[in-house]
């Protein structure tokens, strides 16, 4: 079976936004993402684990400024890329890059953020999509108690409450949802490159 052709190379990758440039263009959503960046720092153990992984040269992230999962999880992805030795991160807007979007669908859905890790020859090492499994389960639980119980008239208030509770879940003591995401990303990379 032939390997999927990734529509990305060094020239196209260089046109993506660095993390700093991505943050600079965010506008009214920047403060929320910066706050999550400050709070989602890697633990000393995670930092050590990622700094001990070699072979990841490029990381491509698909994002959009309006997405709550992007605000919550792209900062952690940036921290991971900063910890990986020699890794360069570039951010692309999902809706402006339909070929990249369609290459990295999540069971047919256009999820974001999507981060894909490559070696120096553009071989895909692995990818991580949207949020940790634990965060998906937590969001489903919150949805069942907010949005799913709301009447049509209560929908706007229920949506606001849902978003607030999901964000609060990321802010629990120990930031367990970010810890779960960091562990999932580490496992994705370790499966292909192993520990240094």
C-alpha atoms as a PDB file:
ATOM      1  CA  UNK A   1       0.000   0.000   0.000  1.00  0.00           C
ATOM      2  CA  UNK A   2       1.418   3.386  -0.978  1.00  0.00           C
ATOM      3  CA  UNK A   3       1.978   6.007   1.712  1.00  0.00           C
ATOM      4  CA  UNK A   4      -0.384   8.967   1.667  1.00  0.00           C
ATOM      5  CA  UNK A   5       1.229  11.903  -0.139  1.00  0.00           C
ATOM      6  CA  UNK A   6       1.462  14.812   2.280  1.00  0.00           C
ATOM      7  CA  UNK A   7       0.920  18.169   0.491  1.00  0.00           C
ATOM      8  CA  UNK A   8       3.735  19.805   2.443  1.00  0.00           C
ATOM      9  CA  UNK A   9       7.410  20.436   1.847  1.00  0.00           C
ATOM     10  CA  UNK A  10      10.058  22.841   3.155  1.00  0.00           C
ATOM     11  CA  UNK A  11       9.000  25.655   0.832  1.00  0.00           C
ATOM     12  CA  UNK A  12       5.328  25.502   1.775  1.00  0.00           C
ATOM     13  CA  UNK A  13       6.129  24.931   5.444  1.00  0.00           C
ATOM     14  CA  UNK A  14       8.202  28.115   5.510  1.00  0.00           C
ATOM     15  CA  UNK A  15       5.086  30.104   4.553  1.00  0.00           C
ATOM     16  CA  UNK A  16       3.256  29.030   7.708  1.00  0.00           C
ATOM     17  CA  UNK A  17       3.168  31.291  10.753  1.00  0.00           C
ATOM     18  CA  UNK A  18       5.593  30.831  13.592  1.00  0.00           C
ATOM     19  CA  UNK A  19       3.916  30.541  16.994  1.00  0.00           C
ATOM     20  CA  UNK A  20       4.886  34.140  17.753  1.00  0.00           C
ATOM     21  CA  UNK A  21       3.428  35.394  14.461  1.00  0.00           C
ATOM     22  CA  UNK A  22       0.286  33.328  14.941  1.00  0.00           C
ATOM     23  CA  UNK A  23      -0.242  34.865  18.376  1.00  0.00           C
ATOM     24  CA  UNK A  24       0.426  38.374  17.046  1.00  0.00           C
ATOM     25  CA  UNK A  25      -2.411  38.178  14.496  1.00  0.00           C
ATOM     26  CA  UNK A  26      -5.068  36.811  16.866  1.00  0.00           C
ATOM     27  CA  UNK A  27      -6.818  40.056  17.724  1.00  0.00           C
ATOM     28  CA  UNK A  28      -9.520  39.824  20.407  1.00  0.00           C
ATOM     29  CA  UNK A  29      -8.846  36.123  21.072  1.00  0.00           C
ATOM     30  CA  UNK A  30      -5.165  36.639  21.830  1.00  0.00           C
ATOM     31  CA  UNK A  31      -5.495  37.339  25.567  1.00  0.00           C
ATOM     32  CA  UNK A  32      -7.365  34.068  26.168  1.00  0.00           C
ATOM     33  CA  UNK A  33      -4.755  32.064  24.252  1.00  0.00           C
ATOM     34  CA  UNK A  34      -1.870  33.846  25.982  1.00  0.00           C
ATOM     35  CA  UNK A  35      -3.438  33.039  29.352  1.00  0.00           C
ATOM     36  CA  UNK A  36      -3.688  29.376  28.377  1.00  0.00           C
ATOM     37  CA  UNK A  37      -0.087  29.462  27.144  1.00  0.00           C
ATOM     38  CA  UNK A  38       1.039  30.733  30.565  1.00  0.00           C
ATOM     39  CA  UNK A  39      -0.975  28.057  32.372  1.00  0.00           C
ATOM     40  CA  UNK A  40      -0.292  25.061  30.110  1.00  0.00           C
ATOM     41  CA  UNK A  41       3.467  24.922  30.635  1.00  0.00           C
ATOM     42  CA  UNK A  42       4.973  21.456  30.662  1.00  0.00           C
ATOM     43  CA  UNK A  43       5.823  19.874  33.977  1.00  0.00           C
ATOM     44  CA  UNK A  44       9.493  19.159  34.667  1.00  0.00           C
ATOM     45  CA  UNK A  45       8.843  15.482  33.927  1.00  0.00           C
ATOM     46  CA  UNK A  46       7.114  16.291  30.602  1.00  0.00           C
ATOM     47  CA  UNK A  47       9.876  18.726  29.654  1.00  0.00           C
ATOM     48  CA  UNK A  48      12.470  16.008  30.286  1.00  0.00           C
ATOM     49  CA  UNK A  49      10.483  13.426  28.311  1.00  0.00           C
ATOM     50  CA  UNK A  50      10.033  15.648  25.254  1.00  0.00           C
ATOM     51  CA  UNK A  51      13.622  16.904  25.328  1.00  0.00           C
ATOM     52  CA  UNK A  52      14.685  13.243  25.218  1.00  0.00           C
ATOM     53  CA  UNK A  53      12.844  12.562  21.958  1.00  0.00           C
ATOM     54  CA  UNK A  54      14.807  13.023  18.758  1.00  0.00           C
ATOM     55  CA  UNK A  55      13.877  12.898  15.115  1.00  0.00           C
ATOM     56  CA  UNK A  56      11.051  15.453  14.985  1.00  0.00           C
ATOM     57  CA  UNK A  57      12.145  18.237  12.646  1.00  0.00           C
ATOM     58  CA  UNK A  58       8.833  19.824  11.664  1.00  0.00           C
ATOM     59  CA  UNK A  59       5.448  20.267  13.318  1.00  0.00           C
ATOM     60  CA  UNK A  60       2.537  21.598  11.287  1.00  0.00           C
ATOM     61  CA  UNK A  61      -0.547  22.831  13.133  1.00  0.00           C
ATOM     62  CA  UNK A  62      -3.934  23.611  11.594  1.00  0.00           C
ATOM     63  CA  UNK A  63      -5.908  26.176  13.567  1.00  0.00           C
ATOM     64  CA  UNK A  64      -8.515  28.938  13.431  1.00  0.00           C
ATOM     65  CA  UNK A  65      -8.786  31.893  15.809  1.00  0.00           C
ATOM     66  CA  UNK A  66     -12.464  31.288  16.650  1.00  0.00           C
ATOM     67  CA  UNK A  67     -12.073  27.727  17.964  1.00  0.00           C
ATOM     68  CA  UNK A  68     -12.173  27.048  21.702  1.00  0.00           C
ATOM     69  CA  UNK A  69     -10.133  23.847  21.366  1.00  0.00           C
ATOM     70  CA  UNK A  70      -7.470  25.880  19.563  1.00  0.00           C
ATOM     71  CA  UNK A  71      -7.380  28.446  22.394  1.00  0.00           C
ATOM     72  CA  UNK A  72      -7.037  25.688  24.970  1.00  0.00           C
ATOM     73  CA  UNK A  73      -4.730  23.217  23.203  1.00  0.00           C
ATOM     74  CA  UNK A  74      -2.547  25.099  20.718  1.00  0.00           C
ATOM     75  CA  UNK A  75      -0.542  26.657  23.596  1.00  0.00           C
ATOM     76  CA  UNK A  76       0.292  23.183  24.903  1.00  0.00           C
ATOM     77  CA  UNK A  77       1.282  22.111  21.381  1.00  0.00           C
ATOM     78  CA  UNK A  78       3.603  25.138  21.206  1.00  0.00           C
ATOM     79  CA  UNK A  79       5.210  24.136  24.519  1.00  0.00           C
ATOM     80  CA  UNK A  80       5.719  20.582  23.244  1.00  0.00           C
ATOM     81  CA  UNK A  81       7.383  21.844  20.064  1.00  0.00           C
ATOM     82  CA  UNK A  82       9.612  24.158  22.080  1.00  0.00           C
ATOM     83  CA  UNK A  83      10.738  21.164  24.173  1.00  0.00           C
ATOM     84  CA  UNK A  84      11.431  18.823  21.235  1.00  0.00           C
ATOM     85  CA  UNK A  85      15.106  19.230  20.193  1.00  0.00           C
ATOM     86  CA  UNK A  86      15.370  20.990  16.822  1.00  0.00           C
ATOM     87  CA  UNK A  87      11.620  21.038  16.130  1.00  0.00           C
ATOM     88  CA  UNK A  88      10.165  23.895  14.072  1.00  0.00           C
ATOM     89  CA  UNK A  89       6.454  24.706  14.397  1.00  0.00           C
ATOM     90  CA  UNK A  90       4.380  26.447  11.739  1.00  0.00           C
ATOM     91  CA  UNK A  91       0.679  27.255  11.977  1.00  0.00           C
ATOM     92  CA  UNK A  92      -1.699  27.232   8.998  1.00  0.00           C
ATOM     93  CA  UNK A  93      -5.318  28.350   8.904  1.00  0.00           C
ATOM     94  CA  UNK A  94      -7.446  25.289   8.261  1.00  0.00           C
ATOM     95  CA  UNK A  95     -10.040  27.086   6.151  1.00  0.00           C
ATOM     96  CA  UNK A  96      -7.398  28.631   3.853  1.00  0.00           C
ATOM     97  CA  UNK A  97      -5.589  25.327   3.267  1.00  0.00           C
ATOM     98  CA  UNK A  98      -8.261  22.867   2.062  1.00  0.00           C
ATOM     99  CA  UNK A  99      -5.749  20.270   0.864  1.00  0.00           C
ATOM    100  CA  UNK A 100      -4.047  20.173   4.278  1.00  0.00           C
ATOM    101  CA  UNK A 101      -7.437  20.168   6.031  1.00  0.00           C
ATOM    102  CA  UNK A 102      -8.698  17.274   3.927  1.00  0.00           C
ATOM    103  CA  UNK A 103      -5.492  15.277   4.387  1.00  0.00           C
ATOM    104  CA  UNK A 104      -5.791  15.411   8.173  1.00  0.00           C
ATOM    105  CA  UNK A 105      -9.493  14.837   8.812  1.00  0.00           C
ATOM    106  CA  UNK A 106     -10.607  13.381  12.136  1.00  0.00           C
ATOM    107  CA  UNK A 107     -12.820  10.443  11.119  1.00  0.00           C
ATOM    108  CA  UNK A 108     -14.215  12.596   8.324  1.00  0.00           C
ATOM    109  CA  UNK A 109     -14.531  15.763  10.458  1.00  0.00           C
ATOM    110  CA  UNK A 110     -12.572  18.993  10.099  1.00  0.00           C
ATOM    111  CA  UNK A 111     -11.291  19.096  13.669  1.00  0.00           C
ATOM    112  CA  UNK A 112      -8.805  21.635  14.999  1.00  0.00           C
ATOM    113  CA  UNK A 113      -6.233  21.982  16.275  1.00  0.00           C
ATOM    114  CA  UNK A 114      -4.432  19.310  14.323  1.00  0.00           C
ATOM    115  CA  UNK A 115      -0.703  18.895  14.861  1.00  0.00           C
ATOM    116  CA  UNK A 116       1.342  16.645  12.582  1.00  0.00           C
ATOM    117  CA  UNK A 117       4.959  15.794  13.306  1.00  0.00           C
ATOM    118  CA  UNK A 118       7.483  15.071  10.530  1.00  0.00           C
ATOM    119  CA  UNK A 119      11.085  13.958  10.343  1.00  0.00           C
ATOM    120  CA  UNK A 120      13.708  15.822   8.302  1.00  0.00           C
ATOM    121  CA  UNK A 121      12.612  14.018   5.097  1.00  0.00           C
ATOM    122  CA  UNK A 122       8.912  14.914   5.521  1.00  0.00           C
ATOM    123  CA  UNK A 123       7.936  11.431   6.622  1.00  0.00           C
ATOM    124  CA  UNK A 124       5.004  11.685   8.981  1.00  0.00           C
ATOM    125  CA  UNK A 125       5.900  10.627  12.509  1.00  0.00           C
ATOM    126  CA  UNK A 126       2.391  11.010  13.853  1.00  0.00           C
ATOM    127  CA  UNK A 127      -0.503  13.347  14.470  1.00  0.00           C
ATOM    128  CA  UNK A 128      -2.632  14.515  17.354  1.00  0.00           C
ATOM    129  CA  UNK A 129      -6.128  15.887  16.828  1.00  0.00           C
ATOM    130  CA  UNK A 130      -8.305  18.398  18.656  1.00  0.00           C
ATOM    131  CA  UNK A 131      -8.089  17.481  22.351  1.00  0.00           C
ATOM    132  CA  UNK A 132      -7.150  14.703  24.762  1.00  0.00           C
ATOM    133  CA  UNK A 133      -9.536  11.764  25.073  1.00  0.00           C
ATOM    134  CA  UNK A 134     -10.092  12.770  28.705  1.00  0.00           C
ATOM    135  CA  UNK A 135     -11.126  16.263  27.552  1.00  0.00           C
ATOM    136  CA  UNK A 136     -13.568  14.807  25.025  1.00  0.00           C
ATOM    137  CA  UNK A 137     -15.171  12.701  27.770  1.00  0.00           C
ATOM    138  CA  UNK A 138     -15.319  15.695  30.132  1.00  0.00           C
ATOM    139  CA  UNK A 139     -16.865  17.914  27.440  1.00  0.00           C
ATOM    140  CA  UNK A 140     -19.512  15.256  26.728  1.00  0.00           C
ATOM    141  CA  UNK A 141     -20.367  15.131  30.430  1.00  0.00           C
ATOM    142  CA  UNK A 142     -20.627  18.927  30.610  1.00  0.00           C
ATOM    143  CA  UNK A 143     -22.731  19.001  27.418  1.00  0.00           C
ATOM    144  CA  UNK A 144     -25.167  16.482  28.914  1.00  0.00           C
ATOM    145  CA  UNK A 145     -25.688  18.764  31.917  1.00  0.00           C
ATOM    146  CA  UNK A 146     -25.896  22.068  30.020  1.00  0.00           C
ATOM    147  CA  UNK A 147     -26.658  22.128  26.297  1.00  0.00           C
ATOM    148  CA  UNK A 148     -28.590  18.872  26.133  1.00  0.00           C
ATOM    149  CA  UNK A 149     -30.965  20.000  28.895  1.00  0.00           C
ATOM    150  CA  UNK A 150     -31.545  23.506  27.522  1.00  0.00           C
ATOM    151  CA  UNK A 151     -34.732  24.587  25.832  1.00  0.00           C
ATOM    152  CA  UNK A 152     -34.527  26.599  22.642  1.00  0.00           C
ATOM    153  CA  UNK A 153     -34.949  29.797  24.673  1.00  0.00           C
ATOM    154  CA  UNK A 154     -32.113  28.787  27.020  1.00  0.00           C
ATOM    155  CA  UNK A 155     -29.671  27.825  24.257  1.00  0.00           C
ATOM    156  CA  UNK A 156     -27.482  30.972  24.304  1.00  0.00           C
ATOM    157  CA  UNK A 157     -27.089  30.888  28.079  1.00  0.00           C
ATOM    158  CA  UNK A 158     -26.465  27.126  27.997  1.00  0.00           C
ATOM    159  CA  UNK A 159     -23.784  27.558  25.326  1.00  0.00           C
ATOM    160  CA  UNK A 160     -22.020  30.194  27.429  1.00  0.00           C
ATOM    161  CA  UNK A 161     -22.224  27.954  30.489  1.00  0.00           C
ATOM    162  CA  UNK A 162     -20.925  24.963  28.526  1.00  0.00           C
ATOM    163  CA  UNK A 163     -17.902  26.956  27.294  1.00  0.00           C
ATOM    164  CA  UNK A 164     -17.205  28.285  30.801  1.00  0.00           C
ATOM    165  CA  UNK A 165     -17.343  24.838  32.377  1.00  0.00           C
ATOM    166  CA  UNK A 166     -15.077  23.318  29.728  1.00  0.00           C
ATOM    167  CA  UNK A 167     -12.506  26.074  30.274  1.00  0.00           C
ATOM    168  CA  UNK A 168     -12.811  25.617  34.049  1.00  0.00           C
ATOM    169  CA  UNK A 169     -12.097  21.897  33.593  1.00  0.00           C
ATOM    170  CA  UNK A 170      -8.731  22.812  32.069  1.00  0.00           C
ATOM    171  CA  UNK A 171      -7.982  25.004  35.076  1.00  0.00           C
ATOM    172  CA  UNK A 172      -8.402  22.307  37.715  1.00  0.00           C
ATOM    173  CA  UNK A 173      -5.592  21.726  40.170  1.00  0.00           C
ATOM    174  CA  UNK A 174      -2.821  20.002  38.275  1.00  0.00           C
ATOM    175  CA  UNK A 175      -4.304  20.907  34.881  1.00  0.00           C
ATOM    176  CA  UNK A 176      -5.161  17.251  34.292  1.00  0.00           C
ATOM    177  CA  UNK A 177      -6.595  17.766  30.800  1.00  0.00           C
ATOM    178  CA  UNK A 178      -3.354  19.367  29.594  1.00  0.00           C
ATOM    179  CA  UNK A 179      -1.388  16.597  31.306  1.00  0.00           C
ATOM    180  CA  UNK A 180      -3.504  14.042  29.427  1.00  0.00           C
ATOM    181  CA  UNK A 181      -2.879  15.852  26.124  1.00  0.00           C
ATOM    182  CA  UNK A 182       0.873  16.043  26.737  1.00  0.00           C
ATOM    183  CA  UNK A 183       0.951  12.314  27.463  1.00  0.00           C
ATOM    184  CA  UNK A 184      -1.013  11.462  24.311  1.00  0.00           C
ATOM    185  CA  UNK A 185       1.298  13.608  22.163  1.00  0.00           C
ATOM    186  CA  UNK A 186       4.373  12.015  23.761  1.00  0.00           C
ATOM    187  CA  UNK A 187       3.036   8.530  23.007  1.00  0.00           C
ATOM    188  CA  UNK A 188       2.319   9.475  19.380  1.00  0.00           C
ATOM    189  CA  UNK A 189       5.927  10.586  18.887  1.00  0.00           C
ATOM    190  CA  UNK A 190       7.523   7.778  20.917  1.00  0.00           C
ATOM    191  CA  UNK A 191       5.790   5.131  18.794  1.00  0.00           C
ATOM    192  CA  UNK A 192       7.810   6.240  15.768  1.00  0.00           C
ATOM    193  CA  UNK A 193      11.051   7.784  16.991  1.00  0.00           C
ATOM    194  CA  UNK A 194      11.565   6.296  20.435  1.00  0.00           C
ATOM    195  CA  UNK A 195      13.547   7.895  23.203  1.00  0.00           C
ATOM    196  CA  UNK A 196      16.974   9.404  22.514  1.00  0.00           C
END
